[in-house]
Structure formats: C-alpha cells, structure tokens
N, C-alpha and C. Protein backbone atom coordinates (compact mmCIF):
# COMPACT_ATOMS: atom_id res chain seq x y z
N MET A 1 38.88 50.40 -22.84
CA MET A 1 37.92 49.69 -22.01
C MET A 1 36.64 49.46 -22.83
N LYS A 2 36.19 48.23 -22.86
CA LYS A 2 34.96 47.89 -23.59
C LYS A 2 33.75 48.14 -22.69
N ILE A 3 32.62 48.28 -23.32
CA ILE A 3 31.38 48.43 -22.57
C ILE A 3 30.85 47.04 -22.24
N THR A 4 30.80 46.73 -20.95
CA THR A 4 30.31 45.43 -20.49
C THR A 4 28.79 45.39 -20.60
N LYS A 5 28.23 44.20 -20.41
CA LYS A 5 26.77 44.05 -20.47
C LYS A 5 26.09 44.91 -19.41
N LYS A 6 26.66 44.94 -18.21
CA LYS A 6 26.06 45.73 -17.13
C LYS A 6 26.13 47.22 -17.46
N LYS A 7 27.26 47.67 -17.99
CA LYS A 7 27.38 49.08 -18.37
C LYS A 7 26.41 49.41 -19.51
N GLN A 8 26.24 48.49 -20.44
CA GLN A 8 25.29 48.70 -21.53
C GLN A 8 23.87 48.78 -20.99
N ARG A 9 23.55 47.96 -19.99
CA ARG A 9 22.22 48.02 -19.36
C ARG A 9 22.00 49.39 -18.72
N ILE A 10 23.05 49.92 -18.11
CA ILE A 10 22.96 51.24 -17.49
C ILE A 10 22.74 52.31 -18.56
N LEU A 11 23.50 52.24 -19.65
CA LEU A 11 23.31 53.19 -20.75
C LEU A 11 21.89 53.11 -21.31
N ASP A 12 21.41 51.89 -21.53
CA ASP A 12 20.06 51.70 -22.06
C ASP A 12 19.01 52.27 -21.10
N PHE A 13 19.22 52.02 -19.80
CA PHE A 13 18.28 52.54 -18.81
C PHE A 13 18.27 54.06 -18.83
N ILE A 14 19.45 54.66 -18.87
CA ILE A 14 19.54 56.13 -18.90
C ILE A 14 18.83 56.68 -20.14
N ALA A 15 19.07 56.05 -21.29
CA ALA A 15 18.44 56.51 -22.54
C ALA A 15 16.92 56.40 -22.45
N ASP A 16 16.42 55.25 -21.99
CA ASP A 16 14.97 55.06 -21.89
C ASP A 16 14.35 56.03 -20.89
N PHE A 17 14.99 56.15 -19.72
CA PHE A 17 14.47 57.04 -18.67
C PHE A 17 14.42 58.48 -19.17
N THR A 18 15.50 58.91 -19.81
CA THR A 18 15.58 60.28 -20.30
C THR A 18 14.53 60.54 -21.37
N GLN A 19 14.33 59.57 -22.25
CA GLN A 19 13.32 59.73 -23.30
C GLN A 19 11.92 59.82 -22.71
N GLN A 20 11.65 59.01 -21.70
CA GLN A 20 10.30 58.99 -21.10
C GLN A 20 10.03 60.17 -20.18
N ASN A 21 11.08 60.68 -19.50
CA ASN A 21 10.88 61.70 -18.47
C ASN A 21 11.42 63.08 -18.82
N GLY A 22 12.20 63.15 -19.88
CA GLY A 22 12.75 64.44 -20.26
C GLY A 22 13.94 64.89 -19.43
N ILE A 23 14.34 64.10 -18.46
CA ILE A 23 15.51 64.36 -17.63
C ILE A 23 16.23 63.04 -17.39
N SER A 24 17.51 63.11 -17.08
CA SER A 24 18.24 61.88 -16.82
C SER A 24 17.95 61.38 -15.40
N PRO A 25 18.14 60.08 -15.17
CA PRO A 25 17.86 59.53 -13.84
C PRO A 25 18.99 59.84 -12.85
N THR A 26 18.65 59.78 -11.58
CA THR A 26 19.66 59.87 -10.53
C THR A 26 20.31 58.50 -10.39
N TYR A 27 21.42 58.43 -9.67
CA TYR A 27 22.08 57.15 -9.43
C TYR A 27 21.15 56.20 -8.69
N ARG A 28 20.39 56.73 -7.75
CA ARG A 28 19.44 55.89 -6.99
C ARG A 28 18.35 55.32 -7.90
N GLU A 29 17.87 56.13 -8.83
CA GLU A 29 16.86 55.66 -9.77
C GLU A 29 17.43 54.59 -10.70
N ILE A 30 18.67 54.73 -11.08
CA ILE A 30 19.32 53.71 -11.91
C ILE A 30 19.44 52.41 -11.12
N ALA A 31 19.91 52.51 -9.88
CA ALA A 31 20.06 51.32 -9.03
C ALA A 31 18.71 50.63 -8.84
N ALA A 32 17.68 51.39 -8.54
CA ALA A 32 16.35 50.82 -8.32
C ALA A 32 15.79 50.23 -9.62
N GLY A 33 15.94 50.95 -10.70
CA GLY A 33 15.41 50.50 -11.99
C GLY A 33 16.04 49.23 -12.50
N LEU A 34 17.32 49.03 -12.17
CA LEU A 34 18.03 47.83 -12.62
C LEU A 34 18.19 46.79 -11.52
N GLU A 35 17.53 47.06 -10.39
CA GLU A 35 17.58 46.17 -9.23
C GLU A 35 19.02 45.89 -8.79
N LEU A 36 19.81 46.95 -8.74
CA LEU A 36 21.18 46.86 -8.24
C LEU A 36 21.17 47.26 -6.77
N LYS A 37 21.98 46.59 -5.96
CA LYS A 37 21.95 46.83 -4.53
C LYS A 37 22.72 48.06 -4.09
N SER A 38 23.72 48.46 -4.85
CA SER A 38 24.61 49.51 -4.40
C SER A 38 24.61 50.71 -5.33
N VAL A 39 24.33 51.88 -4.76
CA VAL A 39 24.42 53.11 -5.52
C VAL A 39 25.90 53.39 -5.83
N ALA A 40 26.78 52.96 -4.94
CA ALA A 40 28.22 53.14 -5.16
C ALA A 40 28.69 52.39 -6.41
N SER A 41 28.14 51.19 -6.65
CA SER A 41 28.53 50.45 -7.85
C SER A 41 28.00 51.15 -9.11
N VAL A 42 26.82 51.75 -9.01
CA VAL A 42 26.29 52.53 -10.13
C VAL A 42 27.23 53.70 -10.41
N ALA A 43 27.68 54.38 -9.36
CA ALA A 43 28.60 55.51 -9.51
C ALA A 43 29.89 55.07 -10.17
N GLU A 44 30.38 53.91 -9.79
CA GLU A 44 31.61 53.39 -10.39
C GLU A 44 31.42 53.11 -11.88
N HIS A 45 30.31 52.48 -12.23
CA HIS A 45 30.02 52.21 -13.64
C HIS A 45 29.86 53.52 -14.42
N ILE A 46 29.19 54.49 -13.83
CA ILE A 46 29.00 55.79 -14.48
C ILE A 46 30.37 56.44 -14.72
N ASP A 47 31.24 56.41 -13.72
CA ASP A 47 32.58 56.98 -13.87
C ASP A 47 33.35 56.29 -14.99
N ASP A 48 33.23 54.96 -15.07
CA ASP A 48 33.89 54.21 -16.15
C ASP A 48 33.34 54.64 -17.51
N LEU A 49 32.03 54.80 -17.60
CA LEU A 49 31.40 55.19 -18.86
C LEU A 49 31.80 56.61 -19.26
N VAL A 50 31.97 57.48 -18.29
CA VAL A 50 32.45 58.84 -18.57
C VAL A 50 33.89 58.77 -19.06
N ALA A 51 34.70 57.92 -18.41
CA ALA A 51 36.12 57.80 -18.77
C ALA A 51 36.32 57.32 -20.20
N ILE A 52 35.44 56.44 -20.68
CA ILE A 52 35.59 55.93 -22.06
C ILE A 52 34.83 56.79 -23.07
N GLY A 53 34.15 57.82 -22.58
CA GLY A 53 33.48 58.75 -23.48
C GLY A 53 32.07 58.37 -23.87
N ALA A 54 31.48 57.38 -23.22
CA ALA A 54 30.12 56.96 -23.55
C ALA A 54 29.06 57.83 -22.87
N LEU A 55 29.46 58.49 -21.77
CA LEU A 55 28.56 59.38 -21.03
C LEU A 55 29.27 60.70 -20.76
N LYS A 56 28.47 61.75 -20.61
CA LYS A 56 29.00 63.03 -20.15
C LYS A 56 28.20 63.44 -18.92
N LYS A 57 28.89 64.06 -17.98
CA LYS A 57 28.22 64.65 -16.83
C LYS A 57 28.15 66.15 -17.06
N GLY A 58 27.04 66.75 -16.66
CA GLY A 58 26.90 68.19 -16.82
C GLY A 58 27.87 68.95 -15.95
N ASP A 59 28.21 70.14 -16.36
CA ASP A 59 29.15 70.97 -15.63
C ASP A 59 28.60 71.47 -14.30
N ASP A 60 27.29 71.48 -14.19
CA ASP A 60 26.68 72.02 -12.96
C ASP A 60 26.68 71.03 -11.80
N GLY A 61 27.08 69.78 -12.03
CA GLY A 61 27.13 68.79 -10.96
C GLY A 61 25.77 68.28 -10.53
N SER A 62 24.75 68.59 -11.29
CA SER A 62 23.40 68.17 -10.98
C SER A 62 23.27 66.65 -10.99
N ALA A 63 22.39 66.15 -10.14
CA ALA A 63 22.14 64.71 -10.07
C ALA A 63 21.49 64.20 -11.36
N ARG A 64 20.93 65.09 -12.13
CA ARG A 64 20.23 64.70 -13.36
C ARG A 64 20.92 65.28 -14.59
N SER A 65 22.23 65.18 -14.62
CA SER A 65 22.98 65.82 -15.70
C SER A 65 23.69 64.82 -16.62
N LEU A 66 23.30 63.55 -16.56
CA LEU A 66 23.94 62.54 -17.41
C LEU A 66 23.46 62.66 -18.85
N GLU A 67 24.39 62.56 -19.77
CA GLU A 67 24.05 62.65 -21.18
C GLU A 67 24.81 61.57 -21.95
N ILE A 68 24.09 60.78 -22.72
CA ILE A 68 24.71 59.71 -23.50
C ILE A 68 25.40 60.30 -24.72
N VAL A 69 26.60 59.81 -25.00
CA VAL A 69 27.38 60.27 -26.14
C VAL A 69 27.26 59.24 -27.26
N ASP A 70 27.00 59.70 -28.47
CA ASP A 70 26.91 58.81 -29.62
C ASP A 70 28.30 58.30 -29.97
N LEU A 71 28.52 56.98 -29.82
CA LEU A 71 29.83 56.38 -30.08
C LEU A 71 29.95 55.80 -31.48
N SER A 72 28.97 56.07 -32.34
CA SER A 72 29.06 55.49 -33.69
C SER A 72 30.03 56.25 -34.58
N PHE A 73 30.29 57.53 -34.29
CA PHE A 73 31.28 58.33 -35.00
C PHE A 73 31.16 58.25 -36.53
N PRO A 74 30.01 58.49 -37.12
CA PRO A 74 29.90 58.33 -38.58
C PRO A 74 30.84 59.26 -39.35
N GLU A 75 31.03 60.48 -38.87
CA GLU A 75 31.91 61.42 -39.58
C GLU A 75 33.36 60.95 -39.50
N THR A 76 33.77 60.48 -38.33
CA THR A 76 35.15 60.01 -38.15
C THR A 76 35.41 58.78 -38.99
N THR A 77 34.46 57.87 -39.04
CA THR A 77 34.61 56.67 -39.85
C THR A 77 34.78 57.04 -41.32
N SER A 78 33.99 57.98 -41.78
CA SER A 78 34.10 58.43 -43.16
C SER A 78 35.47 59.04 -43.44
N LEU A 79 35.96 59.86 -42.52
CA LEU A 79 37.28 60.46 -42.68
C LEU A 79 38.38 59.40 -42.73
N PHE A 80 38.28 58.40 -41.85
CA PHE A 80 39.27 57.32 -41.84
C PHE A 80 39.27 56.59 -43.18
N LYS A 81 38.09 56.28 -43.70
CA LYS A 81 38.00 55.56 -44.98
C LYS A 81 38.62 56.37 -46.11
N THR A 82 38.32 57.66 -46.15
CA THR A 82 38.88 58.52 -47.18
C THR A 82 40.39 58.56 -47.08
N ARG A 83 40.89 58.73 -45.87
CA ARG A 83 42.34 58.83 -45.66
C ARG A 83 43.04 57.51 -45.98
N LEU A 84 42.42 56.39 -45.65
CA LEU A 84 43.02 55.07 -45.91
C LEU A 84 43.30 54.87 -47.40
N ALA A 85 42.46 55.44 -48.24
CA ALA A 85 42.63 55.28 -49.68
C ALA A 85 43.81 56.09 -50.22
N GLN A 86 44.36 57.00 -49.40
CA GLN A 86 45.37 57.93 -49.88
C GLN A 86 46.75 57.75 -49.25
N VAL A 87 46.90 56.81 -48.34
CA VAL A 87 48.15 56.73 -47.56
C VAL A 87 49.00 55.52 -47.93
N SER A 88 50.25 55.56 -47.47
CA SER A 88 51.17 54.43 -47.67
C SER A 88 50.74 53.26 -46.79
N GLU A 89 51.32 52.10 -47.03
CA GLU A 89 50.99 50.91 -46.23
C GLU A 89 51.33 51.12 -44.75
N GLU A 90 52.44 51.79 -44.49
CA GLU A 90 52.85 52.04 -43.10
C GLU A 90 51.83 52.94 -42.40
N GLU A 91 51.42 54.00 -43.07
CA GLU A 91 50.41 54.91 -42.50
C GLU A 91 49.06 54.21 -42.35
N LYS A 92 48.76 53.34 -43.30
CA LYS A 92 47.50 52.59 -43.26
C LYS A 92 47.46 51.71 -42.00
N THR A 93 48.57 51.07 -41.69
CA THR A 93 48.65 50.22 -40.49
C THR A 93 48.38 51.04 -39.23
N VAL A 94 48.96 52.22 -39.16
CA VAL A 94 48.76 53.10 -38.00
C VAL A 94 47.29 53.54 -37.91
N LEU A 95 46.71 53.93 -39.04
CA LEU A 95 45.30 54.36 -39.04
C LEU A 95 44.36 53.23 -38.64
N LEU A 96 44.63 52.02 -39.11
CA LEU A 96 43.78 50.88 -38.75
C LEU A 96 43.88 50.57 -37.26
N LYS A 97 45.06 50.70 -36.69
CA LYS A 97 45.22 50.50 -35.24
C LYS A 97 44.45 51.57 -34.48
N ALA A 98 44.55 52.81 -34.94
CA ALA A 98 43.82 53.90 -34.29
C ALA A 98 42.31 53.67 -34.37
N ALA A 99 41.83 53.24 -35.51
CA ALA A 99 40.39 52.97 -35.67
C ALA A 99 39.93 51.87 -34.72
N LYS A 100 40.77 50.85 -34.56
CA LYS A 100 40.42 49.75 -33.65
C LYS A 100 40.36 50.26 -32.21
N ILE A 101 41.33 51.08 -31.82
CA ILE A 101 41.34 51.64 -30.46
C ILE A 101 40.10 52.48 -30.22
N LEU A 102 39.70 53.26 -31.22
CA LEU A 102 38.53 54.11 -31.09
C LEU A 102 37.22 53.34 -31.19
N GLY A 103 37.30 52.09 -31.62
CA GLY A 103 36.09 51.29 -31.75
C GLY A 103 35.24 51.67 -32.93
N LEU A 104 35.87 52.19 -33.97
CA LEU A 104 35.12 52.61 -35.16
C LEU A 104 34.66 51.39 -35.94
N GLU A 105 33.41 51.43 -36.35
CA GLU A 105 32.81 50.34 -37.12
C GLU A 105 33.06 50.56 -38.60
N GLY A 106 33.22 49.47 -39.35
CA GLY A 106 33.28 49.56 -40.79
C GLY A 106 34.62 49.98 -41.36
N ILE A 107 35.67 49.94 -40.57
CA ILE A 107 37.01 50.26 -41.06
C ILE A 107 37.73 48.92 -41.25
N GLU A 108 37.98 48.58 -42.50
CA GLU A 108 38.64 47.30 -42.79
C GLU A 108 39.95 47.54 -43.46
N ASN A 109 40.79 46.51 -43.41
CA ASN A 109 42.04 46.56 -44.13
C ASN A 109 41.77 46.07 -45.54
N GLU A 110 41.69 46.98 -46.47
CA GLU A 110 41.30 46.65 -47.85
C GLU A 110 42.51 46.36 -48.70
C-alpha cells in the first residue's frame, strides 16, 4: 500500500504537532487541524499507516501515543546494495523485487 497524499498530510501534521507540542495529537486534533469532517476517517487512515509501518501506536493505548516510523531504511538499503554485488542473477532479481516491495530508495538493477 502506497502512502496517499491525504495520508502524507496526516503524517506531516503528526510530525509538526509532535515537534511543536512534545506529544502526538489526538484523532480529533488531527481532524480539526486538517479540516477533516470525520474522526472515523482519521482513524481509518491511521490504521492504514500503522499497517504499512509508517506509524506506531503506543502499547498503553493512549490517545497521544502515535509515533512516526522512519521509512527511509538507510541501513537496509546499504545491506541490499552490498548483497546485490555478491549474488547470482537469479538472486539479484529476487532482491530487487523485495527492495521494490519495501519501497527502498536507491536500489537499482546495475
């Protein structure tokens, strides 16, 4: 699942709010801040973002427990590049498909 523009706006809002306030926003604050009519739609987007690994919810179930996950994966990208230089063409094809699924940047078929 790709991150849509609306989901990206939600991530950006959460990041900005958290940086300014030291705590993550509630679903109602996200809805109000982005002028969305439904808190339920915010919850759905949040659940989607959690499912793809872009957000984490705290274990305590707190309304202010959202945490953005860094999806750039610099260490994983580096490992993929190193491994690509050492594998057969068949393994290379599999690794490139895996990198694409993970959304890793900078992995090319060389």
